Every structure is written in C-alpha cells, then in structure tokens.
C-alpha atoms as a PDB file:
ATOM      1  CA  MET A   1      -0.040  25.138  56.477  1.00  0.00           C
ATOM      2  CA  ASN A   2      -3.988  25.463  56.226  1.00  0.00           C
ATOM      3  CA  ASP A   3      -5.677  24.946  59.550  1.00  0.00           C
ATOM      4  CA  ILE A   4      -7.199  21.605  57.835  1.00  0.00           C
ATOM      5  CA  PRO A   5      -6.309  17.818  59.459  1.00  0.00           C
ATOM      6  CA  LEU A   6      -4.119  16.693  56.011  1.00  0.00           C
ATOM      7  CA  ASN A   7      -5.310  13.428  55.658  1.00  0.00           C
ATOM      8  CA  PRO A   8      -2.409  11.089  54.411  1.00  0.00           C
ATOM      9  CA  LEU A   9      -4.719   9.040  52.241  1.00  0.00           C
ATOM     10  CA  VAL A  10      -7.592  11.689  50.879  1.00  0.00           C
ATOM     11  CA  ALA A  11      -4.211  14.207  50.174  1.00  0.00           C
ATOM     12  CA  ILE A  12      -2.977  10.550  48.201  1.00  0.00           C
ATOM     13  CA  GLN A  13      -6.878   9.313  46.627  1.00  0.00           C
ATOM     14  CA  GLY A  14      -7.022  13.801  45.363  1.00  0.00           C
ATOM     15  CA  MET A  15      -3.403  13.058  43.683  1.00  0.00           C
ATOM     16  CA  LEU A  16      -3.774   9.589  41.537  1.00  0.00           C
ATOM     17  CA  ALA A  17      -7.532  11.082  40.667  1.00  0.00           C
ATOM     18  CA  PRO A  18      -5.980  12.005  36.980  1.00  0.00           C
ATOM     19  CA  ALA A  19      -3.924   9.336  36.847  1.00  0.00           C
ATOM     20  CA  LEU A  20      -6.917   8.197  35.135  1.00  0.00           C
ATOM     21  CA  GLY A  21      -6.381   9.847  32.228  1.00  0.00           C
ATOM     22  CA  ILE A  22      -3.068   9.381  32.272  1.00  0.00           C
ATOM     23  CA  SER A  23      -3.791   5.836  31.487  1.00  0.00           C
ATOM     24  CA  ALA A  24      -6.963   6.512  29.402  1.00  0.00           C
ATOM     25  CA  VAL A  25      -4.052   9.161  27.402  1.00  0.00           C
ATOM     26  CA  GLY A  26      -1.183   6.398  27.406  1.00  0.00           C
ATOM     27  CA  LEU A  27      -3.510   2.853  26.355  1.00  0.00           C
ATOM     28  CA  LEU A  28      -4.751   6.050  23.303  1.00  0.00           C
ATOM     29  CA  LEU A  29      -0.746   7.120  22.491  1.00  0.00           C
ATOM     30  CA  LEU A  30      -0.222   3.158  21.590  1.00  0.00           C
ATOM     31  CA  GLY A  31      -2.095   3.023  19.578  1.00  0.00           C
ATOM     32  CA  LEU A  32      -1.010   6.496  16.935  1.00  0.00           C
ATOM     33  CA  ASN A  33       2.467   5.473  18.377  1.00  0.00           C
ATOM     34  CA  ASN A  34       1.531   2.134  16.138  1.00  0.00           C
ATOM     35  CA  ARG A  35      -0.218   4.002  13.243  1.00  0.00           C
ATOM     36  CA  TYR A  36       2.941   6.417  13.497  1.00  0.00           C
ATOM     37  CA  SER A  37       5.830   3.139  12.405  1.00  0.00           C
ATOM     38  CA  ILE A  38       3.108   1.986  10.307  1.00  0.00           C
ATOM     39  CA  LEU A  39       2.548   5.478   8.135  1.00  0.00           C
ATOM     40  CA  VAL A  40       6.924   6.249   8.785  1.00  0.00           C
ATOM     41  CA  ASN A  41       7.362   2.474   7.347  1.00  0.00           C
ATOM     42  CA  ARG A  42       5.007   2.857   4.874  1.00  0.00           C
ATOM     43  CA  ILE A  43       6.583   5.822   3.275  1.00  0.00           C
ATOM     44  CA  ARG A  44       9.548   4.309   3.537  1.00  0.00           C
ATOM     45  CA  LEU A  45       8.575   1.000   1.314  1.00  0.00           C
ATOM     46  CA  LEU A  46       7.090   3.615  -1.555  1.00  0.00           C
ATOM     47  CA  ASN A  47      10.596   5.864  -1.326  1.00  0.00           C
ATOM     48  CA  GLU A  48      12.945   2.720  -1.686  1.00  0.00           C
ATOM     49  CA  GLU A  49      10.094   1.695  -4.562  1.00  0.00           C
ATOM     50  CA  ARG A  50      10.677   5.273  -6.122  1.00  0.00           C
ATOM     51  CA  ARG A  51      14.444   5.311  -5.886  1.00  0.00           C
ATOM     52  CA  LYS A  52      13.976   1.669  -7.980  1.00  0.00           C
ATOM     53  CA  TYR A  53      11.837   3.897 -10.968  1.00  0.00           C
ATOM     54  CA  LEU A  54      14.185   6.829 -10.928  1.00  0.00           C
ATOM     55  CA  ARG A  55      17.089   3.897 -11.175  1.00  0.00           C
ATOM     56  CA  HIS A  56      15.321   2.716 -14.101  1.00  0.00           C
ATOM     57  CA  LEU A  57      14.421   6.311 -15.833  1.00  0.00           C
ATOM     58  CA  GLN A  58      18.443   6.853 -15.014  1.00  0.00           C
ATOM     59  CA  GLN A  59      19.540   3.358 -17.570  1.00  0.00           C
ATOM     60  CA  HIS A  60      16.443   3.291 -20.293  1.00  0.00           C
ATOM     61  CA  ASP A  61      15.622   7.007 -20.722  1.00  0.00           C
ATOM     62  CA  HIS A  62      11.713   5.062 -20.384  1.00  0.00           C
ATOM     63  CA  LEU A  63       9.568   3.404 -18.648  1.00  0.00           C
ATOM     64  CA  GLU A  64       6.114   0.552 -19.539  1.00  0.00           C
ATOM     65  CA  TYR A  65       3.342   2.258 -19.953  1.00  0.00           C
ATOM     66  CA  ALA A  66       2.261  -0.141 -16.192  1.00  0.00           C
ATOM     67  CA  ASP A  67       5.823   1.071 -14.110  1.00  0.00           C
ATOM     68  CA  ASN A  68       4.794   4.294 -15.349  1.00  0.00           C
ATOM     69  CA  ILE A  69       1.156   4.709 -14.209  1.00  0.00           C
ATOM     70  CA  ARG A  70       2.238   3.064 -10.258  1.00  0.00           C
ATOM     71  CA  PHE A  71       5.013   5.718 -10.425  1.00  0.00           C
ATOM     72  CA  MET A  72       2.802   8.476 -10.379  1.00  0.00           C
ATOM     73  CA  SER A  73       0.692   6.753  -8.106  1.00  0.00           C
ATOM     74  CA  ILE A  74       3.344   6.537  -5.158  1.00  0.00           C
ATOM     75  CA  SER A  75       3.895  10.232  -5.354  1.00  0.00           C
ATOM     76  CA  ASN A  76       0.823  10.652  -4.710  1.00  0.00           C
ATOM     77  CA  GLN A  77       0.529   8.553  -2.026  1.00  0.00           C
ATOM     78  CA  SER A  78       3.905   9.709  -0.918  1.00  0.00           C
ATOM     79  CA  GLY A  79       2.350  13.537  -1.101  1.00  0.00           C
ATOM     80  CA  GLU A  80      -1.094  12.017   1.104  1.00  0.00           C
ATOM     81  CA  LEU A  81       1.159   9.962   3.816  1.00  0.00           C
ATOM     82  CA  LEU A  82       3.125  12.413   4.840  1.00  0.00           C
ATOM     83  CA  ILE A  83       0.292  14.506   5.278  1.00  0.00           C
ATOM     84  CA  ARG A  84      -0.994  11.030   7.473  1.00  0.00           C
ATOM     85  CA  SER A  85       1.402  11.744   8.993  1.00  0.00           C
ATOM     86  CA  ARG A  86       1.460  14.911  10.740  1.00  0.00           C
ATOM     87  CA  LEU A  87      -1.196  14.627  12.155  1.00  0.00           C
ATOM     88  CA  VAL A  88      -0.232  11.242  13.132  1.00  0.00           C
ATOM     89  CA  ARG A  89       2.876  13.185  15.263  1.00  0.00           C
ATOM     90  CA  ASN A  90       0.397  15.958  16.203  1.00  0.00           C
ATOM     91  CA  ALA A  91      -2.402  13.820  17.575  1.00  0.00           C
ATOM     92  CA  ILE A  92       0.934  12.430  19.698  1.00  0.00           C
ATOM     93  CA  LEU A  93       2.452  15.510  20.940  1.00  0.00           C
ATOM     94  CA  SER A  94      -1.341  17.163  22.229  1.00  0.00           C
ATOM     95  CA  MET A  95      -2.113  13.582  24.319  1.00  0.00           C
ATOM     96  CA  GLN A  96       1.876  13.875  25.093  1.00  0.00           C
ATOM     97  CA  SER A  97       1.409  17.473  26.873  1.00  0.00           C
ATOM     98  CA  ALA A  98      -2.051  15.713  28.230  1.00  0.00           C
ATOM     99  CA  ILE A  99      -0.353  13.168  30.468  1.00  0.00           C
ATOM    100  CA  ALA A 100       2.207  16.199  31.190  1.00  0.00           C
ATOM    101  CA  LEU A 101      -1.080  18.409  32.191  1.00  0.00           C
ATOM    102  CA  PHE A 102      -2.420  15.412  34.134  1.00  0.00           C
ATOM    103  CA  VAL A 103       1.126  14.751  35.917  1.00  0.00           C
ATOM    104  CA  LEU A 104       0.882  18.785  37.047  1.00  0.00           C
ATOM    105  CA  THR A 105      -2.202  18.583  38.283  1.00  0.00           C
ATOM    106  CA  SER A 106      -1.720  15.347  40.418  1.00  0.00           C
ATOM    107  CA  VAL A 107       1.994  18.275  41.384  1.00  0.00           C
ATOM    108  CA  MET A 108      -0.347  21.491  41.964  1.00  0.00           C
ATOM    109  CA  ILE A 109      -3.040  18.668  44.236  1.00  0.00           C
ATOM    110  CA  GLY A 110       0.331  18.307  46.325  1.00  0.00           C
ATOM    111  CA  VAL A 111       1.054  22.136  46.624  1.00  0.00           C
ATOM    112  CA  ASN A 112      -2.382  22.767  47.592  1.00  0.00           C
ATOM    113  CA  LEU A 113      -2.927  21.201  50.891  1.00  0.00           C
ATOM    114  CA  LEU A 114       0.335  22.242  51.856  1.00  0.00           C
ATOM    115  CA  VAL A 115      -0.593  26.371  50.243  1.00  0.00           C
ATOM    116  CA  SER A 116      -3.422  27.707  51.843  1.00  0.00           C
ATOM    117  CA  ALA A 117      -3.776  30.661  49.418  1.00  0.00           C
ATOM    118  CA  ASP A 118      -7.500  30.837  47.756  1.00  0.00           C
ATOM    119  CA  MET A 119      -6.324  31.468  44.345  1.00  0.00           C
ATOM    120  CA  MET A 120      -3.648  28.363  45.084  1.00  0.00           C
ATOM    121  CA  LYS A 121      -7.214  26.553  44.866  1.00  0.00           C
ATOM    122  CA  VAL A 122      -8.830  27.124  41.294  1.00  0.00           C
ATOM    123  CA  VAL A 123      -5.111  26.081  39.628  1.00  0.00           C
ATOM    124  CA  PRO A 124      -5.030  22.238  39.430  1.00  0.00           C
ATOM    125  CA  LEU A 125      -8.949  23.275  37.840  1.00  0.00           C
ATOM    126  CA  ALA A 126      -8.167  24.604  35.530  1.00  0.00           C
ATOM    127  CA  ILE A 127      -5.147  22.541  34.305  1.00  0.00           C
ATOM    128  CA  PHE A 128      -6.641  19.298  34.730  1.00  0.00           C
ATOM    129  CA  VAL A 129      -9.137  21.212  32.291  1.00  0.00           C
ATOM    130  CA  CYS A 130      -6.678  21.981  30.081  1.00  0.00           C
ATOM    131  CA  GLY A 131      -4.797  18.839  29.563  1.00  0.00           C
ATOM    132  CA  MET A 132      -9.123  17.472  29.059  1.00  0.00           C
ATOM    133  CA  LEU A 133      -8.449  19.796  26.389  1.00  0.00           C
ATOM    134  CA  SER A 134      -5.410  18.405  24.779  1.00  0.00           C
ATOM    135  CA  VAL A 135      -6.691  15.218  24.305  1.00  0.00           C
ATOM    136  CA  LEU A 136      -9.949  16.413  22.537  1.00  0.00           C
ATOM    137  CA  VAL A 137      -7.346  18.492  20.040  1.00  0.00           C
ATOM    138  CA  GLY A 138      -5.666  14.920  20.080  1.00  0.00           C
ATOM    139  CA  ILE A 139      -9.000  12.691  19.713  1.00  0.00           C
ATOM    140  CA  LEU A 140      -9.075  15.773  16.419  1.00  0.00           C
ATOM    141  CA  PHE A 141      -6.000  15.135  14.533  1.00  0.00           C
ATOM    142  CA  ALA A 142      -6.423  11.527  14.963  1.00  0.00           C
ATOM    143  CA  GLY A 143     -10.350  11.741  13.420  1.00  0.00           C
ATOM    144  CA  ARG A 144      -8.691  14.143  10.322  1.00  0.00           C
ATOM    145  CA  GLU A 145      -6.128  11.401   9.979  1.00  0.00           C
ATOM    146  CA  VAL A 146      -7.979   8.327   9.749  1.00  0.00           C
ATOM    147  CA  HIS A 147     -10.560  10.767   7.314  1.00  0.00           C
ATOM    148  CA  ARG A 148      -6.935  11.051   5.342  1.00  0.00           C
ATOM    149  CA  SER A 149      -6.864   7.584   4.900  1.00  0.00           C
ATOM    150  CA  TYR A 150      -9.378   7.107   2.814  1.00  0.00           C
ATOM    151  CA  ARG A 151      -7.701   8.656   0.098  1.00  0.00           C
ATOM    152  CA  ILE A 152      -4.841   6.509   0.332  1.00  0.00           C
ATOM    153  CA  VAL A 153      -7.183   3.907  -0.221  1.00  0.00           C
ATOM    154  CA  LEU A 154      -8.785   5.692  -3.593  1.00  0.00           C
ATOM    155  CA  LEU A 155      -5.466   6.788  -5.095  1.00  0.00           C
ATOM    156  CA  GLU A 156      -4.090   2.694  -5.015  1.00  0.00           C
ATOM    157  CA  VAL A 157      -8.026   1.152  -6.655  1.00  0.00           C
ATOM    158  CA  LYS A 158      -7.329   4.221  -9.371  1.00  0.00           C
ATOM    159  CA  ALA A 159      -4.104   3.366 -10.041  1.00  0.00           C
ATOM    160  CA  ASP A 160      -5.016  -0.155 -10.947  1.00  0.00           C
ATOM    161  CA  ASP A 161      -8.068   0.633 -13.048  1.00  0.00           C
END
C-alpha cells in the first residue's frame, strides 16, 4: 500500500477523468456508426439494382444506352463505396479501441492507488496517450472517408452527362 492515506473522493475523480474521453469518443462513434449504416445500405441497394440489370442482360443480351451507362456507374460507385465503408470501419474500430484504452486507464489509476511501485505511476499516462493516438487514427480514417465521398458524387454527376 502507499504511505499516503487514500482519499476516496480524489481516487474516484482520478478514475473518472478518462470518462470525458469516453463520452467524446462515444459521440464520434454515434456519427460514424450512422455513416457506416448508410454506406452499407447504399451498397445493398446498388447491388440489387446491378442484379436487376444482370437479369435483364441474361434475358435480352443487351441493355439500352441509358441502362448501360447506369450499369457502369453502379459498378464504379460500388467500388468507391466499398473503399469508403472500409475507411469508416477502420475509424470505428480505432474509436472503440480508444474507449477500451480509456477504460483501462481508469482501471490502472485505481490500481495505482493500491500499488506503491514507482514503475506503475507512468502506466496510466502511457495508456491514456495510446487512447488519444487511437482517437487521432480514427479521425484520420474518417477524414479520408469524407474526402473520398466527393468522388462518388462526381461519378454520379459524370454518369448523367
């Protein structure tokens, strides 16, 4: 045990400090999960539309010009949407890792209150920094996804020209 008397209020405050990170990342995760759900739904809709054109091709051996343009646009968009969904998935996994690291930080702060080893004093800070780096990685993935989203808009507009 530490030689310093344990103040329960200080201990609880210290252990709850990483909860601010958990709350902030939770809000980011809510938006990312919504975006991921929309992307997955869009991919499913495009795949269904693509299957409709494939069935038409099997029956008639050709597509009208406009249908052919749409079919090619669907193929291009599907590839881009898969890349975007992978980026959002990576952002979500990074953010979930950050939450786990923030929870582990709180646990290690509690352990530090009970263990007197000097080496253990640095562990919560190191874990917290890893959690913040994980948030940064998640933000970078989300930023790349937003950047790529413009490409799909361009594909859609160019297909109609």
